[in-house]
Amino acid sequence: MKLTTRGRYAVTAMLDLAINGGSRPVALADISSRQEISLSYLEQLFAKLRRGKLVISARGPGGGYRLARSRTDIFVAQIIDAVDESVDVTSCQGKGNCHQGETCLTHHLWEDLSGQIHEFLSRISLGDLMEKRDPRHRRMSADGMLQTLSVR
């Protein structure tokens, strides 16, 4: 399966936003620091996520990004689609020209698998991912709030 850095980083950044956001905006610099993703790369990703109506931006001091919907209503496939990524296991990237310009013998098998993977990711929300996180990535702050060290 081919999922590039763009897709992985977008899902990671959105999960970080879901964990650390709540009602207040989260600065991309904070996500960048926690997840070790370049700030300029996050800016590109979040421009696409905003166009995809998955995040809302807030300008000015204390600004940043918030989820546009509940974390239970944003699904991994939507995030991947918003950043122009695809989950594709065909050798021809779904074009059907895998064997000397024609469809190879197993093209439909891999194309169907790609569809199944996309369907699977369409059922996993950010809320689901938050519930399944590794407990080693969590700690209690002085005020008793659960905080995240890293979601990598």
N, C-alpha and C. Protein backbone atom coordinates (compact mmCIF):
# COMPACT_ATOMS: atom_id res chain seq x y z
N MET A 1 0.84 -1.18 0.00
CA MET A 1 0.00 0.00 0.00
C MET A 1 0.88 1.23 0.00
N LYS A 2 0.50 2.21 -0.77
CA LYS A 2 1.26 3.44 -0.83
C LYS A 2 0.46 4.57 -0.18
N LEU A 3 0.95 5.04 0.95
CA LEU A 3 0.42 6.24 1.59
C LEU A 3 1.64 7.10 1.88
N THR A 4 1.71 8.25 1.26
CA THR A 4 2.91 9.07 1.38
C THR A 4 2.96 9.79 2.72
N THR A 5 4.07 10.46 2.92
CA THR A 5 4.28 11.26 4.12
C THR A 5 3.15 12.27 4.29
N ARG A 6 2.68 12.84 3.20
CA ARG A 6 1.60 13.84 3.27
C ARG A 6 0.38 13.28 3.98
N GLY A 7 -0.05 12.08 3.61
CA GLY A 7 -1.21 11.48 4.24
C GLY A 7 -0.97 11.14 5.69
N ARG A 8 0.18 10.56 5.99
CA ARG A 8 0.50 10.20 7.38
C ARG A 8 0.60 11.44 8.26
N TYR A 9 1.28 12.46 7.77
CA TYR A 9 1.42 13.69 8.55
C TYR A 9 0.08 14.38 8.76
N ALA A 10 -0.78 14.37 7.75
CA ALA A 10 -2.09 15.01 7.88
C ALA A 10 -2.91 14.32 8.97
N VAL A 11 -2.92 13.00 8.98
CA VAL A 11 -3.67 12.27 10.00
C VAL A 11 -3.05 12.52 11.38
N THR A 12 -1.73 12.48 11.47
CA THR A 12 -1.05 12.72 12.75
C THR A 12 -1.36 14.12 13.28
N ALA A 13 -1.28 15.12 12.41
CA ALA A 13 -1.54 16.50 12.83
C ALA A 13 -2.99 16.70 13.25
N MET A 14 -3.91 16.08 12.53
CA MET A 14 -5.32 16.20 12.90
C MET A 14 -5.61 15.49 14.22
N LEU A 15 -4.96 14.37 14.46
CA LEU A 15 -5.14 13.69 15.73
C LEU A 15 -4.57 14.53 16.86
N ASP A 16 -3.43 15.14 16.65
CA ASP A 16 -2.85 16.05 17.65
C ASP A 16 -3.82 17.20 17.94
N LEU A 17 -4.40 17.77 16.90
CA LEU A 17 -5.36 18.85 17.06
C LEU A 17 -6.58 18.39 17.86
N ALA A 18 -7.07 17.19 17.57
CA ALA A 18 -8.22 16.65 18.29
C ALA A 18 -7.89 16.45 19.77
N ILE A 19 -6.70 15.99 20.05
CA ILE A 19 -6.29 15.72 21.43
C ILE A 19 -6.05 17.02 22.20
N ASN A 20 -5.40 17.97 21.58
CA ASN A 20 -4.95 19.16 22.29
C ASN A 20 -5.82 20.39 22.10
N GLY A 21 -6.83 20.30 21.24
CA GLY A 21 -7.61 21.48 20.90
C GLY A 21 -8.72 21.82 21.84
N GLY A 22 -9.72 20.98 21.93
CA GLY A 22 -10.89 21.35 22.71
C GLY A 22 -11.56 22.57 22.10
N SER A 23 -11.89 23.54 22.94
CA SER A 23 -12.59 24.73 22.45
C SER A 23 -11.64 25.84 22.02
N ARG A 24 -10.37 25.71 22.33
CA ARG A 24 -9.41 26.77 21.97
C ARG A 24 -8.60 26.36 20.74
N PRO A 25 -8.22 27.35 19.94
CA PRO A 25 -7.39 27.05 18.77
C PRO A 25 -6.01 26.56 19.17
N VAL A 26 -5.43 25.74 18.33
CA VAL A 26 -4.08 25.21 18.54
C VAL A 26 -3.17 25.79 17.46
N ALA A 27 -2.05 26.34 17.88
CA ALA A 27 -1.09 26.90 16.93
C ALA A 27 -0.36 25.78 16.20
N LEU A 28 -0.14 25.97 14.91
CA LEU A 28 0.59 24.97 14.14
C LEU A 28 2.01 24.79 14.67
N ALA A 29 2.58 25.85 15.23
CA ALA A 29 3.93 25.74 15.80
C ALA A 29 3.95 24.73 16.94
N ASP A 30 2.85 24.65 17.70
CA ASP A 30 2.78 23.67 18.79
C ASP A 30 2.69 22.25 18.25
N ILE A 31 1.87 22.06 17.22
CA ILE A 31 1.78 20.73 16.59
C ILE A 31 3.13 20.37 15.99
N SER A 32 3.75 21.33 15.33
CA SER A 32 5.06 21.11 14.72
C SER A 32 6.07 20.63 15.75
N SER A 33 6.08 21.27 16.89
CA SER A 33 7.02 20.92 17.96
C SER A 33 6.74 19.54 18.53
N ARG A 34 5.47 19.28 18.82
CA ARG A 34 5.11 17.98 19.42
C ARG A 34 5.34 16.82 18.47
N GLN A 35 5.03 17.01 17.19
CA GLN A 35 5.07 15.90 16.23
C GLN A 35 6.32 15.89 15.35
N GLU A 36 7.16 16.90 15.51
CA GLU A 36 8.39 16.99 14.73
C GLU A 36 8.10 16.98 13.22
N ILE A 37 7.13 17.82 12.86
CA ILE A 37 6.76 18.02 11.46
C ILE A 37 7.07 19.48 11.14
N SER A 38 7.70 19.73 10.03
CA SER A 38 8.06 21.09 9.63
C SER A 38 6.83 22.01 9.64
N LEU A 39 7.01 23.21 10.20
CA LEU A 39 5.92 24.18 10.27
C LEU A 39 5.44 24.56 8.88
N SER A 40 6.35 24.76 7.95
CA SER A 40 5.93 25.15 6.59
C SER A 40 5.13 24.02 5.93
N TYR A 41 5.48 22.78 6.21
CA TYR A 41 4.73 21.64 5.66
C TYR A 41 3.33 21.59 6.28
N LEU A 42 3.25 21.82 7.60
CA LEU A 42 1.94 21.84 8.26
C LEU A 42 1.06 22.96 7.69
N GLU A 43 1.65 24.10 7.39
CA GLU A 43 0.88 25.21 6.82
C GLU A 43 0.26 24.79 5.49
N GLN A 44 1.01 24.08 4.67
CA GLN A 44 0.48 23.59 3.39
C GLN A 44 -0.66 22.59 3.62
N LEU A 45 -0.44 21.66 4.55
CA LEU A 45 -1.47 20.65 4.83
C LEU A 45 -2.74 21.29 5.37
N PHE A 46 -2.58 22.23 6.31
CA PHE A 46 -3.76 22.83 6.93
C PHE A 46 -4.52 23.75 5.98
N ALA A 47 -3.85 24.30 4.99
CA ALA A 47 -4.57 25.06 3.95
C ALA A 47 -5.52 24.11 3.22
N LYS A 48 -5.05 22.92 2.91
CA LYS A 48 -5.91 21.93 2.24
C LYS A 48 -7.00 21.42 3.17
N LEU A 49 -6.66 21.19 4.43
CA LEU A 49 -7.66 20.71 5.40
C LEU A 49 -8.74 21.77 5.62
N ARG A 50 -8.36 23.05 5.59
CA ARG A 50 -9.34 24.13 5.73
C ARG A 50 -10.25 24.17 4.50
N ARG A 51 -9.66 24.05 3.31
CA ARG A 51 -10.48 24.01 2.09
C ARG A 51 -11.41 22.80 2.09
N GLY A 52 -10.97 21.72 2.71
CA GLY A 52 -11.80 20.52 2.83
C GLY A 52 -12.82 20.60 3.95
N LYS A 53 -12.88 21.75 4.62
CA LYS A 53 -13.84 22.02 5.70
C LYS A 53 -13.68 21.07 6.88
N LEU A 54 -12.44 20.67 7.14
CA LEU A 54 -12.17 19.81 8.30
C LEU A 54 -11.65 20.61 9.49
N VAL A 55 -11.08 21.79 9.22
CA VAL A 55 -10.59 22.66 10.29
C VAL A 55 -11.07 24.09 10.05
N ILE A 56 -11.07 24.85 11.13
CA ILE A 56 -11.41 26.27 11.09
C ILE A 56 -10.21 27.03 11.62
N SER A 57 -9.84 28.10 10.94
CA SER A 57 -8.69 28.88 11.40
C SER A 57 -9.16 30.10 12.18
N ALA A 58 -8.35 30.48 13.17
CA ALA A 58 -8.60 31.68 13.96
C ALA A 58 -7.33 32.52 13.88
N ARG A 59 -7.47 33.77 13.48
CA ARG A 59 -6.31 34.65 13.32
C ARG A 59 -6.03 35.42 14.60
N GLY A 60 -4.85 36.02 14.64
CA GLY A 60 -4.49 36.90 15.73
C GLY A 60 -3.86 36.19 16.90
N PRO A 61 -3.58 36.97 17.98
CA PRO A 61 -2.99 36.37 19.18
C PRO A 61 -3.89 35.27 19.73
N GLY A 62 -3.31 34.17 20.08
CA GLY A 62 -4.10 33.03 20.56
C GLY A 62 -4.79 32.29 19.43
N GLY A 63 -4.44 32.63 18.20
CA GLY A 63 -5.06 32.00 17.05
C GLY A 63 -4.47 30.64 16.76
N GLY A 64 -4.99 30.02 15.76
CA GLY A 64 -4.55 28.69 15.36
C GLY A 64 -5.67 27.98 14.64
N TYR A 65 -5.80 26.71 14.90
CA TYR A 65 -6.82 25.90 14.23
C TYR A 65 -7.64 25.11 15.23
N ARG A 66 -8.90 24.91 14.87
CA ARG A 66 -9.81 24.04 15.61
C ARG A 66 -10.45 23.07 14.63
N LEU A 67 -10.92 21.96 15.13
CA LEU A 67 -11.67 21.03 14.28
C LEU A 67 -12.97 21.70 13.86
N ALA A 68 -13.38 21.51 12.62
CA ALA A 68 -14.61 22.11 12.12
C ALA A 68 -15.84 21.35 12.60
N ARG A 69 -15.64 20.10 12.98
CA ARG A 69 -16.74 19.26 13.48
C ARG A 69 -16.23 18.47 14.68
N SER A 70 -17.11 17.76 15.29
CA SER A 70 -16.73 16.90 16.40
C SER A 70 -15.70 15.87 15.95
N ARG A 71 -14.82 15.50 16.85
CA ARG A 71 -13.78 14.50 16.51
C ARG A 71 -14.39 13.15 16.13
N THR A 72 -15.63 12.92 16.53
CA THR A 72 -16.29 11.66 16.14
C THR A 72 -16.92 11.75 14.75
N ASP A 73 -16.92 12.95 14.17
CA ASP A 73 -17.49 13.16 12.84
C ASP A 73 -16.45 13.47 11.77
N ILE A 74 -15.18 13.31 12.11
CA ILE A 74 -14.10 13.49 11.13
C ILE A 74 -13.38 12.15 11.01
N PHE A 75 -13.35 11.62 9.79
CA PHE A 75 -12.84 10.28 9.56
C PHE A 75 -11.50 10.32 8.82
N VAL A 76 -10.69 9.31 9.05
CA VAL A 76 -9.35 9.24 8.48
C VAL A 76 -9.39 9.38 6.96
N ALA A 77 -10.32 8.73 6.30
CA ALA A 77 -10.41 8.82 4.83
C ALA A 77 -10.68 10.25 4.38
N GLN A 78 -11.48 11.00 5.14
CA GLN A 78 -11.74 12.40 4.79
C GLN A 78 -10.46 13.23 4.87
N ILE A 79 -9.64 12.97 5.86
CA ILE A 79 -8.38 13.69 6.03
C ILE A 79 -7.46 13.39 4.85
N ILE A 80 -7.33 12.11 4.54
CA ILE A 80 -6.47 11.69 3.43
C ILE A 80 -6.95 12.28 2.11
N ASP A 81 -8.26 12.25 1.89
CA ASP A 81 -8.82 12.82 0.66
C ASP A 81 -8.60 14.34 0.59
N ALA A 82 -8.73 15.02 1.73
CA ALA A 82 -8.60 16.48 1.75
C ALA A 82 -7.21 16.96 1.35
N VAL A 83 -6.19 16.16 1.63
CA VAL A 83 -4.82 16.58 1.27
C VAL A 83 -4.39 15.97 -0.07
N ASP A 84 -5.38 15.58 -0.86
CA ASP A 84 -5.13 15.05 -2.22
C ASP A 84 -4.28 13.80 -2.20
N GLU A 85 -4.48 13.00 -1.21
CA GLU A 85 -3.76 11.73 -1.08
C GLU A 85 -4.72 10.62 -1.49
N SER A 86 -4.19 9.50 -1.88
CA SER A 86 -5.04 8.35 -2.16
C SER A 86 -4.42 7.11 -1.53
N VAL A 87 -5.28 6.19 -1.20
CA VAL A 87 -4.83 4.91 -0.69
C VAL A 87 -4.99 3.94 -1.86
N ASP A 88 -3.87 3.58 -2.45
CA ASP A 88 -3.92 2.80 -3.69
C ASP A 88 -2.84 1.73 -3.66
N VAL A 89 -3.25 0.49 -3.87
CA VAL A 89 -2.27 -0.61 -3.89
C VAL A 89 -2.00 -1.12 -5.30
N THR A 90 -2.61 -0.49 -6.31
CA THR A 90 -2.31 -0.91 -7.68
C THR A 90 -0.93 -0.39 -8.07
N SER A 91 -0.27 -1.09 -8.97
CA SER A 91 1.06 -0.65 -9.41
C SER A 91 0.97 0.52 -10.38
N CYS A 92 -0.22 0.79 -10.90
CA CYS A 92 -0.39 1.85 -11.91
C CYS A 92 -1.11 3.08 -11.33
N GLN A 93 -1.25 3.13 -10.01
CA GLN A 93 -1.97 4.21 -9.34
C GLN A 93 -3.41 4.33 -9.86
N GLY A 94 -4.02 3.19 -10.15
CA GLY A 94 -5.42 3.15 -10.55
C GLY A 94 -5.69 3.51 -12.00
N LYS A 95 -4.67 3.75 -12.79
CA LYS A 95 -4.86 4.19 -14.18
C LYS A 95 -5.18 3.05 -15.13
N GLY A 96 -4.88 1.82 -14.75
CA GLY A 96 -5.17 0.68 -15.61
C GLY A 96 -4.18 0.46 -16.73
N ASN A 97 -3.00 1.06 -16.63
CA ASN A 97 -1.98 0.87 -17.67
C ASN A 97 -0.77 0.13 -17.10
N CYS A 98 -1.04 -0.85 -16.26
CA CYS A 98 0.03 -1.51 -15.50
C CYS A 98 0.84 -2.53 -16.30
N HIS A 99 0.32 -3.01 -17.39
CA HIS A 99 1.04 -4.04 -18.15
C HIS A 99 1.11 -3.61 -19.61
N GLN A 100 2.24 -3.05 -20.00
CA GLN A 100 2.46 -2.60 -21.37
C GLN A 100 1.32 -1.71 -21.87
N GLY A 101 0.90 -0.78 -21.00
CA GLY A 101 -0.15 0.16 -21.36
C GLY A 101 -1.55 -0.37 -21.21
N GLU A 102 -1.70 -1.61 -20.82
CA GLU A 102 -3.01 -2.23 -20.64
C GLU A 102 -3.19 -2.61 -19.17
N THR A 103 -4.40 -3.02 -18.84
CA THR A 103 -4.68 -3.47 -17.48
C THR A 103 -4.02 -4.83 -17.25
N CYS A 104 -3.28 -4.95 -16.15
CA CYS A 104 -2.63 -6.23 -15.84
C CYS A 104 -3.67 -7.24 -15.34
N LEU A 105 -3.27 -8.50 -15.28
CA LEU A 105 -4.18 -9.57 -14.90
C LEU A 105 -4.78 -9.39 -13.51
N THR A 106 -4.02 -8.81 -12.59
CA THR A 106 -4.49 -8.69 -11.20
C THR A 106 -4.93 -7.27 -10.84
N HIS A 107 -5.06 -6.41 -11.83
CA HIS A 107 -5.41 -5.01 -11.57
C HIS A 107 -6.69 -4.89 -10.75
N HIS A 108 -7.73 -5.63 -11.11
CA HIS A 108 -9.02 -5.50 -10.42
C HIS A 108 -8.94 -5.98 -8.98
N LEU A 109 -8.10 -6.97 -8.72
CA LEU A 109 -7.88 -7.42 -7.34
C LEU A 109 -7.34 -6.28 -6.49
N TRP A 110 -6.27 -5.63 -6.98
CA TRP A 110 -5.63 -4.55 -6.22
C TRP A 110 -6.53 -3.32 -6.15
N GLU A 111 -7.28 -3.07 -7.20
CA GLU A 111 -8.21 -1.95 -7.19
C GLU A 111 -9.31 -2.17 -6.15
N ASP A 112 -9.83 -3.40 -6.07
CA ASP A 112 -10.84 -3.72 -5.06
C ASP A 112 -10.27 -3.59 -3.65
N LEU A 113 -9.03 -4.03 -3.46
CA LEU A 113 -8.38 -3.91 -2.15
C LEU A 113 -8.24 -2.43 -1.78
N SER A 114 -7.86 -1.60 -2.72
CA SER A 114 -7.76 -0.16 -2.46
C SER A 114 -9.09 0.39 -1.98
N GLY A 115 -10.17 -0.03 -2.63
CA GLY A 115 -11.51 0.40 -2.22
C GLY A 115 -11.86 -0.06 -0.83
N GLN A 116 -11.48 -1.30 -0.49
CA GLN A 116 -11.75 -1.83 0.85
C GLN A 116 -10.98 -1.05 1.92
N ILE A 117 -9.75 -0.70 1.62
CA ILE A 117 -8.94 0.07 2.57
C ILE A 117 -9.57 1.45 2.78
N HIS A 118 -9.98 2.09 1.69
CA HIS A 118 -10.62 3.41 1.81
C HIS A 118 -11.90 3.31 2.62
N GLU A 119 -12.68 2.27 2.36
CA GLU A 119 -13.92 2.06 3.11
C GLU A 119 -13.62 1.86 4.60
N PHE A 120 -12.60 1.09 4.91
CA PHE A 120 -12.19 0.86 6.30
C PHE A 120 -11.81 2.18 6.97
N LEU A 121 -11.01 2.99 6.28
CA LEU A 121 -10.58 4.28 6.84
C LEU A 121 -11.74 5.26 6.96
N SER A 122 -12.80 5.05 6.17
CA SER A 122 -13.99 5.89 6.25
C SER A 122 -14.81 5.61 7.51
N ARG A 123 -14.49 4.54 8.20
CA ARG A 123 -15.21 4.19 9.42
C ARG A 123 -14.42 4.51 10.69
N ILE A 124 -13.20 5.01 10.56
CA ILE A 124 -12.38 5.30 11.73
C ILE A 124 -12.31 6.81 11.92
N SER A 125 -12.86 7.27 13.03
CA SER A 125 -12.88 8.71 13.32
C SER A 125 -11.68 9.10 14.17
N LEU A 126 -11.45 10.40 14.27
CA LEU A 126 -10.41 10.88 15.18
C LEU A 126 -10.73 10.46 16.62
N GLY A 127 -12.01 10.46 16.96
CA GLY A 127 -12.42 10.00 18.29
C GLY A 127 -12.04 8.55 18.53
N ASP A 128 -12.22 7.71 17.52
CA ASP A 128 -11.81 6.30 17.64
C ASP A 128 -10.31 6.20 17.88
N LEU A 129 -9.53 6.98 17.15
CA LEU A 129 -8.08 6.94 17.31
C LEU A 129 -7.67 7.42 18.69
N MET A 130 -8.37 8.41 19.22
CA MET A 130 -8.06 8.91 20.56
C MET A 130 -8.28 7.82 21.61
N GLU A 131 -9.32 7.04 21.44
CA GLU A 131 -9.61 5.97 22.39
C GLU A 131 -8.57 4.86 22.34
N LYS A 132 -7.94 4.66 21.20
CA LYS A 132 -7.00 3.55 21.03
C LYS A 132 -5.55 3.96 21.25
N ARG A 133 -5.31 5.21 21.62
CA ARG A 133 -3.94 5.68 21.80
C ARG A 133 -3.19 4.88 22.85
N ASP A 134 -1.91 4.81 22.66
CA ASP A 134 -1.00 4.16 23.60
C ASP A 134 -0.96 4.98 24.89
N PRO A 135 -1.24 4.37 26.05
CA PRO A 135 -1.24 5.13 27.30
C PRO A 135 0.11 5.73 27.66
N ARG A 136 1.20 5.25 27.07
CA ARG A 136 2.51 5.84 27.34
C ARG A 136 2.61 7.25 26.81
N HIS A 137 1.70 7.65 25.93
CA HIS A 137 1.75 8.98 25.33
C HIS A 137 0.94 9.99 26.13
N ARG A 138 0.44 9.58 27.30
CA ARG A 138 -0.39 10.47 28.09
C ARG A 138 0.25 10.71 29.45
N ARG A 139 -0.01 11.86 30.02
CA ARG A 139 0.42 12.14 31.38
C ARG A 139 -0.57 13.12 31.99
N MET A 140 -0.60 13.16 33.30
CA MET A 140 -1.48 14.09 33.99
C MET A 140 -0.71 15.38 34.26
N SER A 141 -1.35 16.52 34.01
CA SER A 141 -0.73 17.80 34.30
C SER A 141 -0.99 18.15 35.76
N ALA A 142 -0.39 19.23 36.23
CA ALA A 142 -0.54 19.64 37.63
C ALA A 142 -1.99 19.93 37.98
N ASP A 143 -2.78 20.39 37.02
CA ASP A 143 -4.18 20.70 37.32
C ASP A 143 -5.11 19.51 37.10
N GLY A 144 -4.54 18.32 36.89
CA GLY A 144 -5.35 17.11 36.76
C GLY A 144 -5.85 16.84 35.36
N MET A 145 -5.50 17.69 34.40
CA MET A 145 -5.94 17.49 33.02
C MET A 145 -5.03 16.48 32.34
N LEU A 146 -5.60 15.64 31.52
CA LEU A 146 -4.82 14.67 30.75
C LEU A 146 -4.17 15.40 29.59
N GLN A 147 -2.86 15.26 29.44
CA GLN A 147 -2.14 15.91 28.37
C GLN A 147 -1.41 14.88 27.54
N THR A 148 -1.07 15.28 26.33
CA THR A 148 -0.39 14.39 25.40
C THR A 148 1.07 14.77 25.27
N LEU A 149 1.93 13.78 25.33
CA LEU A 149 3.35 14.01 25.09
C LEU A 149 3.62 13.96 23.60
N SER A 150 3.10 12.95 22.93
CA SER A 150 3.29 12.78 21.50
C SER A 150 2.31 11.74 21.01
N VAL A 151 1.84 11.89 19.78
CA VAL A 151 0.94 10.88 19.22
C VAL A 151 1.62 10.07 18.14
N ARG A 152 2.91 10.16 18.03
CA ARG A 152 3.66 9.39 17.04
C ARG A 152 3.72 7.96 17.42
